Amino acid sequence: MDYSTPAIKNILLLDSEGKRVAVKYFDHEDWPNITTQTAFEKSVFTKTSRTAARGEAEIGMFDGYIVVYKFIADLHFYVTGGDDENELILVTVLQAFFDAVSLLLRSQVEKKTVLENLDLVLLTLDEIVDGGIVLETDSTIIAGRVAMRGADSDIPLSEQTISQAFANAKEQLARSLLK
């Protein structure tokens, strides 16, 4: 039997016109440049925009990839995996992304609010998936890390998020300058 780690190909957050709001590609062989990426985004958006994926996530097969998607207000959330990927894992990643963004934006998940807090949304993507490998799917943990709640300087550098590491470095620099 061949076992492998689940791999995410990309996570897309598009607006109601199919334009990018926040995207992260982990497979640069399939989408090596911006042209191929936007063509894929347009294709997926066109095929899904008329569906009613407002309540629960929908699953579809597009261009040889499994795509799970969910819509809220004027935003379309997508997670893509290979054709042999487990749909439940993809749905779990999609739900984690959606729920973490919802927690961080205090349930005001709409394009305007997302653009105003784009840094939080991009950090959320980084906390969920790294290099296509799923790191975390608990939305409260993800939102807590992104918001840096409970950030201690005692946390080893290898376990800190980028924002926590920068905050720690900034704090240490400020202390050394004040001495």
Protein backbone atom coordinates (compact mmCIF):
# COMPACT_ATOMS: atom_id res chain seq x y z
CA MET A 1 0.00 0.00 0.00
CA ASP A 2 1.20 3.46 -0.85
CA TYR A 3 0.62 6.05 1.87
CA SER A 4 1.28 9.73 1.40
CA THR A 5 0.73 12.97 3.20
CA PRO A 6 -2.30 14.89 1.95
CA ALA A 7 -1.22 17.70 -0.35
CA ILE A 8 -3.03 20.92 -1.08
CA LYS A 9 -2.44 22.36 -4.56
CA ASN A 10 -3.78 25.85 -3.85
CA ILE A 11 -6.13 27.91 -1.72
CA LEU A 12 -8.09 30.64 -3.46
CA LEU A 13 -10.19 33.50 -2.16
CA LEU A 14 -11.94 35.24 -5.04
CA ASP A 15 -14.50 38.03 -5.12
CA SER A 16 -17.97 37.84 -6.67
CA GLU A 17 -16.49 38.69 -10.09
CA GLY A 18 -13.84 35.99 -9.95
CA LYS A 19 -10.97 38.36 -9.24
CA ARG A 20 -8.21 37.54 -6.75
CA VAL A 21 -8.54 38.68 -3.18
CA ALA A 22 -5.98 36.31 -1.62
CA VAL A 23 -4.44 33.21 -3.22
CA LYS A 24 -1.68 30.80 -2.34
CA TYR A 25 -0.29 28.24 -4.80
CA PHE A 26 1.77 25.34 -3.50
CA ASP A 27 2.22 23.44 -6.79
CA HIS A 28 4.29 25.55 -9.14
CA GLU A 29 4.69 22.76 -11.68
CA ASP A 30 1.02 22.82 -12.63
CA TRP A 31 0.74 26.62 -12.43
CA PRO A 32 4.22 28.01 -13.11
CA ASN A 33 3.23 31.63 -13.72
CA ILE A 34 0.54 34.22 -13.15
CA THR A 35 -1.04 33.57 -16.55
CA THR A 36 -1.71 29.89 -15.86
CA GLN A 37 -2.86 30.71 -12.33
CA THR A 38 -5.39 33.32 -13.41
CA ALA A 39 -6.63 31.03 -16.21
CA PHE A 40 -7.27 28.28 -13.64
CA GLU A 41 -8.99 30.75 -11.29
CA LYS A 42 -11.23 32.01 -14.10
CA SER A 43 -12.10 28.47 -15.16
CA VAL A 44 -12.99 27.34 -11.64
CA PHE A 45 -14.96 30.52 -10.92
CA THR A 46 -16.92 30.24 -14.18
CA LYS A 47 -17.84 26.62 -13.47
CA THR A 48 -18.85 27.22 -9.84
CA SER A 49 -20.33 30.71 -9.77
CA ARG A 50 -23.87 29.52 -10.55
CA THR A 51 -23.93 26.86 -7.84
CA ALA A 52 -25.53 27.34 -4.45
CA ALA A 53 -22.54 26.64 -2.19
CA ARG A 54 -23.69 29.09 0.46
CA GLY A 55 -24.40 26.77 3.38
CA GLU A 56 -22.23 23.71 3.02
CA ALA A 57 -19.08 23.14 1.01
CA GLU A 58 -19.50 21.70 -2.47
CA ILE A 59 -17.08 19.32 -4.16
CA GLY A 60 -16.28 19.28 -7.86
CA MET A 61 -13.77 17.94 -10.35
CA PHE A 62 -12.26 20.63 -12.56
CA ASP A 63 -9.42 20.26 -15.06
CA GLY A 64 -8.26 17.05 -13.36
CA TYR A 65 -8.28 18.49 -9.82
CA ILE A 66 -10.66 18.07 -6.92
CA VAL A 67 -11.92 21.50 -5.87
CA VAL A 68 -13.98 22.14 -2.76
CA TYR A 69 -15.64 25.51 -2.44
CA LYS A 70 -17.94 27.61 -0.33
CA PHE A 71 -19.38 31.09 -0.81
CA ILE A 72 -20.17 33.74 1.78
CA ALA A 73 -21.44 37.24 0.96
CA ASP A 74 -19.29 38.46 -1.95
CA LEU A 75 -16.41 36.00 -1.43
CA HIS A 76 -15.70 32.57 -2.90
CA PHE A 77 -13.42 30.24 -0.93
CA TYR A 78 -11.70 27.37 -2.81
CA VAL A 79 -9.27 24.59 -1.86
CA THR A 80 -7.74 22.42 -4.60
CA GLY A 81 -6.15 18.99 -4.38
CA GLY A 82 -5.00 16.34 -6.81
CA ASP A 83 -7.48 13.95 -8.40
CA ASP A 84 -6.52 11.24 -5.91
CA GLU A 85 -6.78 13.43 -2.80
CA ASN A 86 -9.23 12.76 0.02
CA GLU A 87 -12.20 15.14 -0.33
CA LEU A 88 -12.83 15.16 3.43
CA ILE A 89 -9.34 16.52 4.08
CA LEU A 90 -9.88 19.25 1.47
CA VAL A 91 -13.24 20.16 3.03
CA THR A 92 -11.63 20.27 6.49
CA VAL A 93 -8.96 22.68 5.22
CA LEU A 94 -11.60 24.82 3.53
CA GLN A 95 -13.71 24.95 6.69
CA ALA A 96 -10.67 25.76 8.83
CA PHE A 97 -9.76 28.65 6.51
CA PHE A 98 -13.30 29.96 6.43
CA ASP A 99 -13.85 29.64 10.20
CA ALA A 100 -10.47 31.19 11.12
CA VAL A 101 -11.10 34.17 8.84
CA SER A 102 -14.59 34.50 10.29
CA LEU A 103 -13.19 34.49 13.85
CA LEU A 104 -10.47 37.02 13.01
CA LEU A 105 -12.90 39.36 11.24
CA ARG A 106 -15.58 38.95 13.92
CA SER A 107 -18.01 37.32 11.46
CA GLN A 108 -17.82 40.26 9.04
CA VAL A 109 -16.59 38.13 6.15
CA GLU A 110 -16.97 40.36 3.11
CA LYS A 111 -14.55 41.66 0.49
CA LYS A 112 -14.11 45.11 2.04
CA THR A 113 -13.29 43.75 5.49
CA VAL A 114 -10.97 41.08 4.07
CA LEU A 115 -9.04 43.68 2.06
CA GLU A 116 -8.72 45.90 5.14
CA ASN A 117 -7.31 42.90 7.04
CA LEU A 118 -5.45 41.19 4.21
CA ASP A 119 -2.38 40.64 6.42
CA LEU A 120 -4.46 38.50 8.79
CA VAL A 121 -5.95 36.50 5.92
CA LEU A 122 -2.52 35.80 4.39
CA LEU A 123 -1.11 34.79 7.78
CA THR A 124 -4.11 32.49 8.19
CA LEU A 125 -3.19 30.76 4.93
CA ASP A 126 0.38 30.33 6.19
CA GLU A 127 -0.82 28.84 9.48
CA ILE A 128 -3.06 26.28 7.76
CA VAL A 129 -0.82 25.00 4.96
CA ASP A 130 2.92 25.20 4.34
CA GLY A 131 4.33 23.96 1.07
CA GLY A 132 1.11 22.08 0.39
CA ILE A 133 1.27 20.17 3.69
CA VAL A 134 -1.64 20.69 6.11
CA LEU A 135 -0.32 22.06 9.41
CA GLU A 136 -3.46 22.88 11.39
CA THR A 137 -7.22 22.63 10.96
CA ASP A 138 -8.50 23.91 14.31
CA SER A 139 -9.81 27.38 13.50
CA THR A 140 -9.50 28.70 17.08
CA ILE A 141 -5.84 27.69 17.25
CA ILE A 142 -5.19 29.22 13.83
CA ALA A 143 -6.95 32.48 14.71
CA GLY A 144 -5.12 32.60 18.05
CA ARG A 145 -1.75 32.20 16.38
CA VAL A 146 -2.52 34.81 13.75
CA ALA A 147 -3.80 37.26 16.37
CA MET A 148 -0.76 36.38 18.55
CA ARG A 149 -2.92 35.68 21.59
CA GLY A 150 -0.87 34.08 24.30
CA ALA A 151 2.41 34.82 22.55
CA ASP A 152 5.24 34.25 25.02
CA SER A 153 8.89 34.90 24.50
CA ASP A 154 9.44 31.43 26.02
CA ILE A 155 8.14 29.71 22.89
CA PRO A 156 11.05 28.19 20.93
CA LEU A 157 11.82 30.05 17.70
CA SER A 158 11.05 26.93 15.65
CA GLU A 159 7.46 26.92 16.95
CA GLN A 160 6.76 30.63 16.50
CA THR A 161 4.82 32.09 13.62
CA ILE A 162 6.55 34.70 11.50
CA SER A 163 4.60 37.50 13.15
CA GLN A 164 5.46 36.19 16.63
CA ALA A 165 9.15 35.98 15.72
CA PHE A 166 9.13 39.55 14.39
CA ALA A 167 7.33 40.81 17.49
CA ASN A 168 9.88 39.04 19.70
CA ALA A 169 12.80 40.46 17.73
CA LYS A 170 11.29 43.95 17.84
CA GLU A 171 10.78 43.71 21.60
CA GLN A 172 14.34 42.49 22.21
CA LEU A 173 15.77 45.24 19.99
CA ALA A 174 13.77 47.88 21.86
CA ARG A 175 15.02 46.53 25.21
CA SER A 176 18.64 46.57 24.04
CA LEU A 177 18.33 50.16 22.78
CA LEU A 178 16.83 51.35 26.07
CA LYS A 179 19.72 49.94 28.14
